[in-house]
Every structure is written in structure tokens, then in C-alpha cells.
Amino acid sequence: APLNNNVTMTCTTAERSFLHRLGSGCRAPVAAIGIVADNILTLKGRVISEDGTQVCEGELSGSPRDPETIGRQLAEKLIEAGAGRILEAIMDRASES
């Protein structure tokens, strides 16, 4: 607790929520970064196909009091925009190996 930084914890909680909702692990090129400025949490996320030809990215801002919801909502937004198909292709390819 004495080493915990609330802003860092807020950002990493949003990032982890994003990754968790996508079901992403070390096998998929997925990125997330949370930033708190002026008491607003902004989460940016990106999903990239293995060959780099498809990119699905976006961002969402909201209250830093609810980082899990922001992470989950951004993941849902990207899934609807095509990230789900990118991740499915990666997982299908991984299971074939």
C-alpha cells in the first residue's frame, strides 16, 4: 500500500480490463495505454493482425473512478469494429500449430 500510486493503478486496471475482455494474452499483438489528465481517464487500445495488414484501434474517456468499465467498453467497441475477427484468426492459427 505505501508503494501504490493511485493514478498508475487506475491506468493499469483499465488496461487489464481491456485485455481481459478481448481474451488477449501473449500470442496476440494487442496494446493498451491508460492516461489520467485533468481528472479524466483516457484509454487507447489497438489490435493488429499478425501480418500487420489489419489494424483496429480506438479510445474511450471517462471517470477514473471506473477504469474496469472503460476498459471493457473500449474492448467491446473494438470487437464490433473488427478486432474480434482479427483475434479469432490469430487463435485459430495458433490452435493449428
Protein backbone atom coordinates (compact mmCIF):
# COMPACT_ATOMS: atom_id res chain seq x y z
CA ALA A 1 0.00 0.00 0.00
CA PRO A 2 2.71 2.58 0.73
CA LEU A 3 4.19 1.98 -2.72
CA ASN A 4 0.86 2.10 -4.58
CA ASN A 5 0.26 5.06 -6.88
CA ASN A 6 -3.47 5.62 -7.44
CA VAL A 7 -3.08 7.06 -10.95
CA THR A 8 -0.89 4.17 -12.05
CA MET A 9 -3.32 1.67 -10.52
CA THR A 10 -6.24 3.31 -12.33
CA CYS A 11 -4.45 3.15 -15.68
CA THR A 12 -3.29 -0.44 -15.31
CA THR A 13 -6.75 -1.54 -14.15
CA ALA A 14 -8.31 -0.08 -17.32
CA GLU A 15 -5.61 -1.67 -19.49
CA ARG A 16 -6.04 -5.08 -17.86
CA SER A 17 -9.82 -4.91 -18.17
CA PHE A 18 -9.43 -4.17 -21.89
CA LEU A 19 -7.05 -7.10 -22.39
CA HIS A 20 -9.20 -9.44 -20.31
CA ARG A 21 -12.38 -8.68 -22.27
CA LEU A 22 -10.55 -9.33 -25.53
CA GLY A 23 -9.24 -12.61 -24.14
CA SER A 24 -5.82 -11.47 -25.17
CA GLY A 25 -2.60 -12.92 -23.96
CA CYS A 26 0.97 -13.03 -25.13
CA ARG A 27 0.08 -14.55 -28.51
CA ALA A 28 -1.77 -11.59 -29.97
CA PRO A 29 -0.50 -8.15 -30.95
CA VAL A 30 -2.75 -6.11 -28.67
CA ALA A 31 -1.83 -2.83 -26.99
CA ALA A 32 -3.46 -0.60 -24.41
CA ILE A 33 -2.38 2.55 -22.62
CA GLY A 34 -4.27 4.48 -20.00
CA ILE A 35 -3.59 8.13 -19.19
CA VAL A 36 -5.17 10.28 -16.49
CA ALA A 37 -5.15 14.03 -17.09
CA ASP A 38 -7.44 16.72 -15.67
CA ASN A 39 -9.30 14.01 -13.72
CA ILE A 40 -10.25 12.15 -16.92
CA LEU A 41 -9.08 8.64 -17.75
CA THR A 42 -8.38 8.10 -21.44
CA LEU A 43 -7.72 4.56 -22.60
CA LYS A 44 -6.29 3.89 -26.05
CA GLY A 45 -6.33 0.38 -27.48
CA ARG A 46 -5.16 -1.37 -30.61
CA VAL A 47 -5.44 -4.87 -32.12
CA ILE A 48 -3.24 -5.76 -35.08
CA SER A 49 -3.27 -8.82 -37.32
CA GLU A 50 -0.14 -10.95 -37.25
CA ASP A 51 0.92 -9.77 -40.69
CA GLY A 52 0.21 -6.13 -39.81
CA THR A 53 -2.27 -5.58 -42.63
CA GLN A 54 -5.30 -5.08 -40.37
CA VAL A 55 -5.43 -2.58 -37.52
CA CYS A 56 -8.36 -1.91 -35.26
CA GLU A 57 -7.88 0.93 -32.79
CA GLY A 58 -9.83 3.37 -30.70
CA GLU A 59 -10.01 5.30 -27.49
CA LEU A 60 -12.51 5.99 -24.75
CA SER A 61 -12.53 8.53 -21.94
CA GLY A 62 -14.39 8.70 -18.69
CA SER A 63 -14.19 8.89 -14.94
CA PRO A 64 -11.04 7.47 -13.38
CA ARG A 65 -13.32 6.04 -10.70
CA ASP A 66 -14.48 3.29 -13.07
CA PRO A 67 -11.45 2.03 -15.02
CA GLU A 68 -12.79 -1.51 -15.40
CA THR A 69 -15.88 -0.29 -17.24
CA ILE A 70 -13.83 1.94 -19.53
CA GLY A 71 -11.55 -0.98 -20.40
CA ARG A 72 -14.44 -3.34 -21.05
CA GLN A 73 -16.37 -0.77 -23.11
CA LEU A 74 -13.36 0.03 -25.29
CA ALA A 75 -12.83 -3.67 -25.91
CA GLU A 76 -16.49 -4.06 -26.92
CA LYS A 77 -16.17 -1.08 -29.25
CA LEU A 78 -13.13 -2.62 -30.96
CA ILE A 79 -14.73 -6.08 -31.14
CA GLU A 80 -17.65 -4.53 -33.03
CA ALA A 81 -15.17 -2.71 -35.30
CA GLY A 82 -13.40 -5.93 -36.32
CA ALA A 83 -10.95 -6.78 -33.55
CA GLY A 84 -12.90 -9.94 -32.76
CA ARG A 85 -12.28 -11.32 -36.25
CA ILE A 86 -8.58 -10.45 -36.04
CA LEU A 87 -8.21 -12.23 -32.70
CA GLU A 88 -10.21 -15.26 -33.86
CA ALA A 89 -7.89 -15.67 -36.85
CA ILE A 90 -4.84 -15.49 -34.58
CA MET A 91 -6.27 -18.04 -32.15
CA ASP A 92 -7.33 -20.37 -34.98
CA ARG A 93 -3.84 -20.25 -36.43
CA ALA A 94 -2.30 -20.89 -33.01
CA SER A 95 -4.51 -23.94 -32.41
CA GLU A 96 -3.50 -25.39 -35.78
CA SER A 97 0.19 -25.29 -34.82
